[in-house]
PDB file of N, CA and C in Angstrom:
ATOM      1  N   MET A   1      12.623  -9.443   9.436  1.00  0.00           N
ATOM      2  CA  MET A   1      11.521  -8.551   9.135  1.00  0.00           C
ATOM      3  C   MET A   1      10.292  -9.385   8.754  1.00  0.00           C
ATOM      4  N   ILE A   2       9.167  -9.085   9.323  1.00  0.00           N
ATOM      5  CA  ILE A   2       7.911  -9.751   9.006  1.00  0.00           C
ATOM      6  C   ILE A   2       7.468  -9.298   7.611  1.00  0.00           C
ATOM      7  N   ASP A   3       6.791 -10.179   6.884  1.00  0.00           N
ATOM      8  CA  ASP A   3       6.313  -9.820   5.549  1.00  0.00           C
ATOM      9  C   ASP A   3       5.193  -8.787   5.660  1.00  0.00           C
ATOM     10  N   PRO A   4       5.447  -7.537   5.253  1.00  0.00           N
ATOM     11  CA  PRO A   4       4.445  -6.476   5.416  1.00  0.00           C
ATOM     12  C   PRO A   4       3.474  -6.339   4.246  1.00  0.00           C
ATOM     13  N   ARG A   5       3.541  -7.231   3.245  1.00  0.00           N
ATOM     14  CA  ARG A   5       2.679  -7.088   2.070  1.00  0.00           C
ATOM     15  C   ARG A   5       1.211  -7.083   2.471  1.00  0.00           C
ATOM     16  N   GLY A   6       0.483  -6.105   1.947  1.00  0.00           N
ATOM     17  CA  GLY A   6      -0.937  -5.983   2.250  1.00  0.00           C
ATOM     18  C   GLY A   6      -1.236  -5.008   3.371  1.00  0.00           C
ATOM     19  N   GLN A   7      -0.215  -4.577   4.109  1.00  0.00           N
ATOM     20  CA  GLN A   7      -0.428  -3.629   5.203  1.00  0.00           C
ATOM     21  C   GLN A   7      -0.818  -2.257   4.652  1.00  0.00           C
ATOM     22  N   ILE A   8      -1.773  -1.621   5.297  1.00  0.00           N
ATOM     23  CA  ILE A   8      -2.164  -0.268   4.918  1.00  0.00           C
ATOM     24  C   ILE A   8      -1.328   0.705   5.728  1.00  0.00           C
ATOM     25  N   VAL A   9      -0.735   1.670   5.031  1.00  0.00           N
ATOM     26  CA  VAL A   9       0.151   2.636   5.665  1.00  0.00           C
ATOM     27  C   VAL A   9      -0.238   4.049   5.249  1.00  0.00           C
ATOM     28  N   GLU A  10       0.144   5.001   6.084  1.00  0.00           N
ATOM     29  CA  GLU A  10      -0.046   6.415   5.774  1.00  0.00           C
ATOM     30  C   GLU A  10       1.321   7.037   5.577  1.00  0.00           C
ATOM     31  N   SER A  11       1.487   7.806   4.530  1.00  0.00           N
ATOM     32  CA  SER A  11       2.740   8.490   4.279  1.00  0.00           C
ATOM     33  C   SER A  11       2.868   9.671   5.241  1.00  0.00           C
ATOM     34  N   THR A  12       4.029   9.801   5.881  1.00  0.00           N
ATOM     35  CA  THR A  12       4.236  10.890   6.844  1.00  0.00           C
ATOM     36  C   THR A  12       5.224  11.933   6.339  1.00  0.00           C
ATOM     37  N   ALA A  13       5.773  11.722   5.137  1.00  0.00           N
ATOM     38  CA  ALA A  13       6.734  12.677   4.584  1.00  0.00           C
ATOM     39  C   ALA A  13       6.659  12.666   3.065  1.00  0.00           C
ATOM     40  N   GLY A  14       7.049  13.788   2.477  1.00  0.00           N
ATOM     41  CA  GLY A  14       7.077  13.886   1.024  1.00  0.00           C
ATOM     42  C   GLY A  14       5.822  14.517   0.467  1.00  0.00           C
ATOM     43  N   ARG A  15       5.742  14.560  -0.851  1.00  0.00           N
ATOM     44  CA  ARG A  15       4.598  15.210  -1.492  1.00  0.00           C
ATOM     45  C   ARG A  15       3.316  14.401  -1.341  1.00  0.00           C
ATOM     46  N   ASP A  16       3.443  13.133  -0.985  1.00  0.00           N
ATOM     47  CA  ASP A  16       2.266  12.297  -0.776  1.00  0.00           C
ATOM     48  C   ASP A  16       1.896  12.174   0.708  1.00  0.00           C
ATOM     49  N   LYS A  17       2.356  13.112   1.511  1.00  0.00           N
ATOM     50  CA  LYS A  17       2.074  13.126   2.944  1.00  0.00           C
ATOM     51  C   LYS A  17       0.560  13.078   3.194  1.00  0.00           C
ATOM     52  N   THR A  18       0.140  12.300   4.172  1.00  0.00           N
ATOM     53  CA  THR A  18      -1.244  12.079   4.618  1.00  0.00           C
ATOM     54  C   THR A  18      -2.053  11.184   3.677  1.00  0.00           C
ATOM     55  N   ARG A  19      -1.458  10.634   2.633  1.00  0.00           N
ATOM     56  CA  ARG A  19      -2.170   9.718   1.732  1.00  0.00           C
ATOM     57  C   ARG A  19      -1.970   8.285   2.204  1.00  0.00           C
ATOM     58  N   TYR A  20      -2.925   7.445   1.882  1.00  0.00           N
ATOM     59  CA  TYR A  20      -2.884   6.050   2.302  1.00  0.00           C
ATOM     60  C   TYR A  20      -2.480   5.157   1.136  1.00  0.00           C
ATOM     61  N   PHE A  21      -1.688   4.123   1.447  1.00  0.00           N
ATOM     62  CA  PHE A  21      -1.152   3.209   0.458  1.00  0.00           C
ATOM     63  C   PHE A  21      -1.198   1.788   1.002  1.00  0.00           C
ATOM     64  N   VAL A  22      -0.933   0.837   0.116  1.00  0.00           N
ATOM     65  CA  VAL A  22      -0.809  -0.571   0.488  1.00  0.00           C
ATOM     66  C   VAL A  22       0.590  -1.025   0.088  1.00  0.00           C
ATOM     67  N   ILE A  23       1.265  -1.733   0.980  1.00  0.00           N
ATOM     68  CA  ILE A  23       2.595  -2.260   0.685  1.00  0.00           C
ATOM     69  C   ILE A  23       2.445  -3.499  -0.197  1.00  0.00           C
ATOM     70  N   VAL A  24       3.171  -3.513  -1.334  1.00  0.00           N
ATOM     71  CA  VAL A  24       3.102  -4.653  -2.243  1.00  0.00           C
ATOM     72  C   VAL A  24       4.421  -5.404  -2.349  1.00  0.00           C
ATOM     73  N   GLY A  25       5.492  -4.850  -1.797  1.00  0.00           N
ATOM     74  CA  GLY A  25       6.775  -5.533  -1.866  1.00  0.00           C
ATOM     75  C   GLY A  25       7.800  -4.909  -0.960  1.00  0.00           C
ATOM     76  N   VAL A  26       8.884  -5.646  -0.752  1.00  0.00           N
ATOM     77  CA  VAL A  26       9.992  -5.186   0.082  1.00  0.00           C
ATOM     78  C   VAL A  26      11.223  -5.050  -0.795  1.00  0.00           C
ATOM     79  N   CYS A  27      11.878  -3.901  -0.725  1.00  0.00           N
ATOM     80  CA  CYS A  27      13.093  -3.669  -1.500  1.00  0.00           C
ATOM     81  C   CYS A  27      14.309  -4.121  -0.681  1.00  0.00           C
ATOM     82  N   ASP A  28      14.448  -3.582   0.504  1.00  0.00           N
ATOM     83  CA  ASP A  28      15.491  -3.977   1.448  1.00  0.00           C
ATOM     84  C   ASP A  28      14.963  -3.691   2.852  1.00  0.00           C
ATOM     85  N   GLU A  29      15.824  -3.694   3.846  1.00  0.00           N
ATOM     86  CA  GLU A  29      15.348  -3.522   5.219  1.00  0.00           C
ATOM     87  C   GLU A  29      14.814  -2.121   5.501  1.00  0.00           C
ATOM     88  N   ALA A  30      15.172  -1.145   4.689  1.00  0.00           N
ATOM     89  CA  ALA A  30      14.750   0.228   4.933  1.00  0.00           C
ATOM     90  C   ALA A  30      13.701   0.732   3.952  1.00  0.00           C
ATOM     91  N   HIS A  31      13.433   0.001   2.870  1.00  0.00           N
ATOM     92  CA  HIS A  31      12.525   0.470   1.822  1.00  0.00           C
ATOM     93  C   HIS A  31      11.472  -0.572   1.470  1.00  0.00           C
ATOM     94  N   VAL A  32      10.287  -0.083   1.113  1.00  0.00           N
ATOM     95  CA  VAL A  32       9.211  -0.949   0.622  1.00  0.00           C
ATOM     96  C   VAL A  32       8.616  -0.318  -0.633  1.00  0.00           C
ATOM     97  N   TYR A  33       7.848  -1.110  -1.373  1.00  0.00           N
ATOM     98  CA  TYR A  33       7.129  -0.616  -2.538  1.00  0.00           C
ATOM     99  C   TYR A  33       5.662  -0.462  -2.165  1.00  0.00           C
ATOM    100  N   ILE A  34       5.084   0.716  -2.484  1.00  0.00           N
ATOM    101  CA  ILE A  34       3.701   0.993  -2.114  1.00  0.00           C
ATOM    102  C   ILE A  34       2.895   1.383  -3.348  1.00  0.00           C
ATOM    103  N   VAL A  35       1.590   1.097  -3.304  1.00  0.00           N
ATOM    104  CA  VAL A  35       0.670   1.489  -4.379  1.00  0.00           C
ATOM    105  C   VAL A  35      -0.620   1.994  -3.752  1.00  0.00           C
ATOM    106  N   ASP A  36      -1.335   2.827  -4.516  1.00  0.00           N
ATOM    107  CA  ASP A  36      -2.677   3.243  -4.092  1.00  0.00           C
ATOM    108  C   ASP A  36      -3.710   2.972  -5.185  1.00  0.00           C
ATOM    109  N   GLY A  37      -3.262   2.487  -6.329  1.00  0.00           N
ATOM    110  CA  GLY A  37      -4.173   2.156  -7.413  1.00  0.00           C
ATOM    111  C   GLY A  37      -4.596   3.341  -8.255  1.00  0.00           C
ATOM    112  N   VAL A  38      -4.202   4.556  -7.870  1.00  0.00           N
ATOM    113  CA  VAL A  38      -4.581   5.762  -8.620  1.00  0.00           C
ATOM    114  C   VAL A  38      -3.318   6.443  -9.156  1.00  0.00           C
ATOM    115  N   THR A  39      -2.551   7.070  -8.289  1.00  0.00           N
ATOM    116  CA  THR A  39      -1.345   7.772  -8.731  1.00  0.00           C
ATOM    117  C   THR A  39      -0.143   6.849  -8.814  1.00  0.00           C
ATOM    118  N   HIS A  40      -0.070   5.898  -7.928  1.00  0.00           N
ATOM    119  CA  HIS A  40       1.016   4.912  -7.933  1.00  0.00           C
ATOM    120  C   HIS A  40       0.385   3.549  -8.152  1.00  0.00           C
ATOM    121  N   LYS A  41       0.491   3.080  -9.392  1.00  0.00           N
ATOM    122  CA  LYS A  41      -0.161   1.830  -9.779  1.00  0.00           C
ATOM    123  C   LYS A  41       0.800   0.658  -9.651  1.00  0.00           C
ATOM    124  N   ALA A  42       0.254  -0.540  -9.768  1.00  0.00           N
ATOM    125  CA  ALA A  42       1.029  -1.764  -9.568  1.00  0.00           C
ATOM    126  C   ALA A  42       2.141  -1.925 -10.601  1.00  0.00           C
ATOM    127  N   CYS A  43       1.962  -1.377 -11.799  1.00  0.00           N
ATOM    128  CA  CYS A  43       2.995  -1.513 -12.819  1.00  0.00           C
ATOM    129  C   CYS A  43       4.200  -0.617 -12.525  1.00  0.00           C
ATOM    130  N   ARG A  44       4.018   0.372 -11.669  1.00  0.00           N
ATOM    131  CA  ARG A  44       5.114   1.271 -11.292  1.00  0.00           C
ATOM    132  C   ARG A  44       4.930   1.706  -9.829  1.00  0.00           C
ATOM    133  N   PRO A  45       5.203   0.808  -8.880  1.00  0.00           N
ATOM    134  CA  PRO A  45       5.015   1.159  -7.467  1.00  0.00           C
ATOM    135  C   PRO A  45       6.050   2.168  -6.993  1.00  0.00           C
ATOM    136  N   LYS A  46       5.716   2.882  -5.947  1.00  0.00           N
ATOM    137  CA  LYS A  46       6.606   3.892  -5.382  1.00  0.00           C
ATOM    138  C   LYS A  46       7.503   3.249  -4.334  1.00  0.00           C
ATOM    139  N   LYS A  47       8.784   3.546  -4.389  1.00  0.00           N
ATOM    140  CA  LYS A  47       9.730   3.074  -3.388  1.00  0.00           C
ATOM    141  C   LYS A  47       9.743   4.104  -2.260  1.00  0.00           C
ATOM    142  N   LYS A  48       9.530   3.658  -1.029  1.00  0.00           N
ATOM    143  CA  LYS A  48       9.409   4.582   0.095  1.00  0.00           C
ATOM    144  C   LYS A  48      10.144   4.024   1.302  1.00  0.00           C
ATOM    145  N   LYS A  49      10.799   4.895   2.055  1.00  0.00           N
ATOM    146  CA  LYS A  49      11.475   4.475   3.280  1.00  0.00           C
ATOM    147  C   LYS A  49      10.449   4.138   4.349  1.00  0.00           C
ATOM    148  N   LEU A  50      10.739   3.092   5.109  1.00  0.00           N
ATOM    149  CA  LEU A  50       9.840   2.684   6.183  1.00  0.00           C
ATOM    150  C   LEU A  50       9.682   3.767   7.246  1.00  0.00           C
ATOM    151  N   LYS A  51      10.736   4.542   7.483  1.00  0.00           N
ATOM    152  CA  LYS A  51      10.639   5.573   8.519  1.00  0.00           C
ATOM    153  C   LYS A  51       9.708   6.717   8.115  1.00  0.00           C
ATOM    154  N   HIS A  52       9.325   6.778   6.836  1.00  0.00           N
ATOM    155  CA  HIS A  52       8.395   7.804   6.362  1.00  0.00           C
ATOM    156  C   HIS A  52       6.970   7.284   6.246  1.00  0.00           C
ATOM    157  N   LEU A  53       6.703   6.120   6.847  1.00  0.00           N
ATOM    158  CA  LEU A  53       5.379   5.516   6.795  1.00  0.00           C
ATOM    159  C   LEU A  53       4.874   5.239   8.210  1.00  0.00           C
ATOM    160  N   ARG A  54       3.556   5.346   8.380  1.00  0.00           N
ATOM    161  CA  ARG A  54       2.909   4.995   9.644  1.00  0.00           C
ATOM    162  C   ARG A  54       1.985   3.817   9.363  1.00  0.00           C
ATOM    163  N   PHE A  55       2.223   2.715  10.062  1.00  0.00           N
ATOM    164  CA  PHE A  55       1.381   1.527   9.893  1.00  0.00           C
ATOM    165  C   PHE A  55       0.054   1.760  10.607  1.00  0.00           C
ATOM    166  N   CYS A  56      -1.040   1.437   9.943  1.00  0.00           N
ATOM    167  CA  CYS A  56      -2.381   1.723  10.463  1.00  0.00           C
ATOM    168  C   CYS A  56      -3.019   0.541  11.186  1.00  0.00           C
ATOM    169  N   GLY A  57      -2.401  -0.623  11.129  1.00  0.00           N
ATOM    170  CA  GLY A  57      -2.956  -1.784  11.798  1.00  0.00           C
ATOM    171  C   GLY A  57      -4.040  -2.493  11.008  1.00  0.00           C
ATOM    172  N   LYS A  58      -4.246  -2.113   9.768  1.00  0.00           N
ATOM    173  CA  LYS A  58      -5.233  -2.756   8.887  1.00  0.00           C
ATOM    174  C   LYS A  58      -4.476  -3.447   7.760  1.00  0.00           C
ATOM    175  N   GLN A  59      -5.102  -4.464   7.170  1.00  0.00           N
ATOM    176  CA  GLN A  59      -4.435  -5.209   6.112  1.00  0.00           C
ATOM    177  C   GLN A  59      -5.429  -5.677   5.063  1.00  0.00           C
ATOM    178  N   LEU A  60      -4.975  -5.660   3.810  1.00  0.00           N
ATOM    179  CA  LEU A  60      -5.731  -6.242   2.698  1.00  0.00           C
ATOM    180  C   LEU A  60      -5.136  -7.605   2.391  1.00  0.00           C
ATOM    181  N   ASP A  61      -5.963  -8.579   2.074  1.00  0.00           N
ATOM    182  CA  ASP A  61      -5.488  -9.904   1.699  1.00  0.00           C
ATOM    183  C   ASP A  61      -4.973  -9.834   0.264  1.00  0.00           C
ATOM    184  N   MET A  62      -3.664  -9.929   0.090  1.00  0.00           N
ATOM    185  CA  MET A  62      -3.043  -9.691  -1.218  1.00  0.00           C
ATOM    186  C   MET A  62      -2.560 -10.949  -1.914  1.00  0.00           C
ATOM    187  N   ASP A  63      -2.651 -12.120  -1.298  1.00  0.00           N
ATOM    188  CA  ASP A  63      -2.053 -13.325  -1.867  1.00  0.00           C
ATOM    189  C   ASP A  63      -2.531 -13.607  -3.281  1.00  0.00           C
ATOM    190  N   LYS A  64      -3.813 -13.690  -3.492  1.00  0.00           N
ATOM    191  CA  LYS A  64      -4.362 -14.019  -4.807  1.00  0.00           C
ATOM    192  C   LYS A  64      -4.217 -12.839  -5.776  1.00  0.00           C
ATOM    193  N   GLU A  65      -4.349 -11.625  -5.278  1.00  0.00           N
ATOM    194  CA  GLU A  65      -4.338 -10.437  -6.142  1.00  0.00           C
ATOM    195  C   GLU A  65      -2.960 -10.150  -6.723  1.00  0.00           C
ATOM    196  N   LEU A  66      -1.881 -10.457  -5.984  1.00  0.00           N
ATOM    197  CA  LEU A  66      -0.537 -10.208  -6.508  1.00  0.00           C
ATOM    198  C   LEU A  66      -0.240 -11.085  -7.715  1.00  0.00           C
ATOM    199  N   GLU A  67      -0.865 -12.245  -7.795  1.00  0.00           N
ATOM    200  CA  GLU A  67      -0.652 -13.136  -8.933  1.00  0.00           C
ATOM    201  C   GLU A  67      -1.544 -12.774 -10.123  1.00  0.00           C
ATOM    202  N   GLY A  68      -2.633 -12.033  -9.876  1.00  0.00           N
ATOM    203  CA  GLY A  68      -3.627 -11.757 -10.907  1.00  0.00           C
ATOM    204  C   GLY A  68      -3.190 -10.794 -11.987  1.00  0.00           C
ATOM    205  N   GLY A  69      -2.288  -9.890 -11.716  1.00  0.00           N
ATOM    206  CA  GLY A  69      -1.861  -8.917 -12.712  1.00  0.00           C
ATOM    207  C   GLY A  69      -2.067  -7.504 -12.207  1.00  0.00           C
ATOM    208  N   ALA A  70      -1.493  -6.541 -12.915  1.00  0.00           N
ATOM    209  CA  ALA A  70      -1.491  -5.153 -12.469  1.00  0.00           C
ATOM    210  C   ALA A  70      -2.880  -4.526 -12.473  1.00  0.00           C
ATOM    211  N   GLY A  71      -3.664  -4.778 -13.507  1.00  0.00           N
ATOM    212  CA  GLY A  71      -4.989  -4.154 -13.611  1.00  0.00           C
ATOM    213  C   GLY A  71      -5.925  -4.585 -12.501  1.00  0.00           C
ATOM    214  N   THR A  72      -5.935  -5.875 -12.206  1.00  0.00           N
ATOM    215  CA  THR A  72      -6.814  -6.357 -11.139  1.00  0.00           C
ATOM    216  C   THR A  72      -6.316  -5.899  -9.785  1.00  0.00           C
ATOM    217  N   LEU A  73      -4.997  -5.814  -9.613  1.00  0.00           N
ATOM    218  CA  LEU A  73      -4.449  -5.362  -8.332  1.00  0.00           C
ATOM    219  C   LEU A  73      -4.804  -3.905  -8.067  1.00  0.00           C
ATOM    220  N   ASP A  74      -4.706  -3.055  -9.092  1.00  0.00           N
ATOM    221  CA  ASP A  74      -5.040  -1.643  -8.918  1.00  0.00           C
ATOM    222  C   ASP A  74      -6.497  -1.468  -8.499  1.00  0.00           C
ATOM    223  N   ALA A  75      -7.396  -2.164  -9.148  1.00  0.00           N
ATOM    224  CA  ALA A  75      -8.813  -2.070  -8.803  1.00  0.00           C
ATOM    225  C   ALA A  75      -9.058  -2.594  -7.395  1.00  0.00           C
ATOM    226  N   TYR A  76      -8.418  -3.698  -7.047  1.00  0.00           N
ATOM    227  CA  TYR A  76      -8.576  -4.283  -5.716  1.00  0.00           C
ATOM    228  C   TYR A  76      -8.074  -3.323  -4.632  1.00  0.00           C
ATOM    229  N   VAL A  77      -6.932  -2.693  -4.872  1.00  0.00           N
ATOM    230  CA  VAL A  77      -6.361  -1.750  -3.900  1.00  0.00           C
ATOM    231  C   VAL A  77      -7.252  -0.528  -3.755  1.00  0.00           C
ATOM    232  N   ARG A  78      -7.716   0.040  -4.869  1.00  0.00           N
ATOM    233  CA  ARG A  78      -8.599   1.210  -4.806  1.00  0.00           C
ATOM    234  C   ARG A  78      -9.849   0.911  -4.000  1.00  0.00           C
ATOM    235  N   LYS A  79     -10.498  -0.201  -4.315  1.00  0.00           N
ATOM    236  CA  LYS A  79     -11.742  -0.557  -3.620  1.00  0.00           C
ATOM    237  C   LYS A  79     -11.480  -0.907  -2.166  1.00  0.00           C
ATOM    238  N   GLY A  80     -10.403  -1.623  -1.904  1.00  0.00           N
ATOM    239  CA  GLY A  80     -10.070  -2.013  -0.537  1.00  0.00           C
ATOM    240  C   GLY A  80      -9.735  -0.824   0.338  1.00  0.00           C
ATOM    241  N   LEU A  81      -8.920   0.099  -0.169  1.00  0.00           N
ATOM    242  CA  LEU A  81      -8.583   1.305   0.595  1.00  0.00           C
ATOM    243  C   LEU A  81      -9.821   2.151   0.859  1.00  0.00           C
ATOM    244  N   ALA A  82     -10.652   2.323  -0.154  1.00  0.00           N
ATOM    245  CA  ALA A  82     -11.862   3.131   0.016  1.00  0.00           C
ATOM    246  C   ALA A  82     -12.786   2.515   1.056  1.00  0.00           C
ATOM    247  N   ALA A  83     -12.952   1.198   1.019  1.00  0.00           N
ATOM    248  CA  ALA A  83     -13.844   0.534   1.969  1.00  0.00           C
ATOM    249  C   ALA A  83     -13.321   0.629   3.394  1.00  0.00           C
ATOM    250  N   ILE A  84     -12.044   0.423   3.572  1.00  0.00           N
ATOM    251  CA  ILE A  84     -11.463   0.466   4.923  1.00  0.00           C
ATOM    252  C   ILE A  84     -11.471   1.882   5.474  1.00  0.00           C
ATOM    253  N   LEU A  85     -11.167   2.864   4.644  1.00  0.00           N
ATOM    254  CA  LEU A  85     -11.155   4.253   5.105  1.00  0.00           C
ATOM    255  C   LEU A  85     -12.566   4.739   5.403  1.00  0.00           C
ATOM    256  N   ARG A  86     -13.538   4.268   4.648  1.00  0.00           N
ATOM    257  CA  ARG A  86     -14.927   4.636   4.882  1.00  0.00           C
ATOM    258  C   ARG A  86     -15.452   3.959   6.152  1.00  0.00           C
ATOM    259  N   GLN A  87     -15.023   2.718   6.367  1.00  0.00           N
ATOM    260  CA  GLN A  87     -15.507   1.924   7.474  1.00  0.00           C
ATOM    261  C   GLN A  87     -15.029   2.451   8.827  1.00  0.00           C
ATOM    262  N   SER A  88     -13.789   2.865   8.882  1.00  0.00           N
ATOM    263  CA  SER A  88     -13.225   3.303  10.166  1.00  0.00           C
ATOM    264  C   SER A  88     -12.319   4.509   9.971  1.00  0.00           C
ATOM    265  N   GLU A  89     -12.290   5.337  10.952  1.00  0.00           N
ATOM    266  CA  GLU A  89     -11.377   6.471  10.944  1.00  0.00           C
ATOM    267  C   GLU A  89     -10.016   5.973  11.380  1.00  0.00           C
ATOM    268  N   ILE A  90      -9.041   5.978  10.460  1.00  0.00           N
ATOM    269  CA  ILE A  90      -7.705   5.460  10.768  1.00  0.00           C
ATOM    270  C   ILE A  90      -6.887   6.535  11.437  1.00  0.00           C
TER     271      ILE A  90
END
């Protein structure tokens, strides 16, 4: 499995359907951890099945931000998602 950290995804199932998230970690081959910086923050990421996500082909550079801490990661994800969604229709 390729490292999907930083990939922007859209939820296709569940109560968060049609919302956009960023993958911050891999649990196993079928699950990843996602955050949006608002409802699902870095201190408590949501575990989601890969089959319930649609990859959008966009990515945030997460290398430095994952080491910075939860507060900086949440702000970075919020701003990054807003900028990418505003910039292009995904």
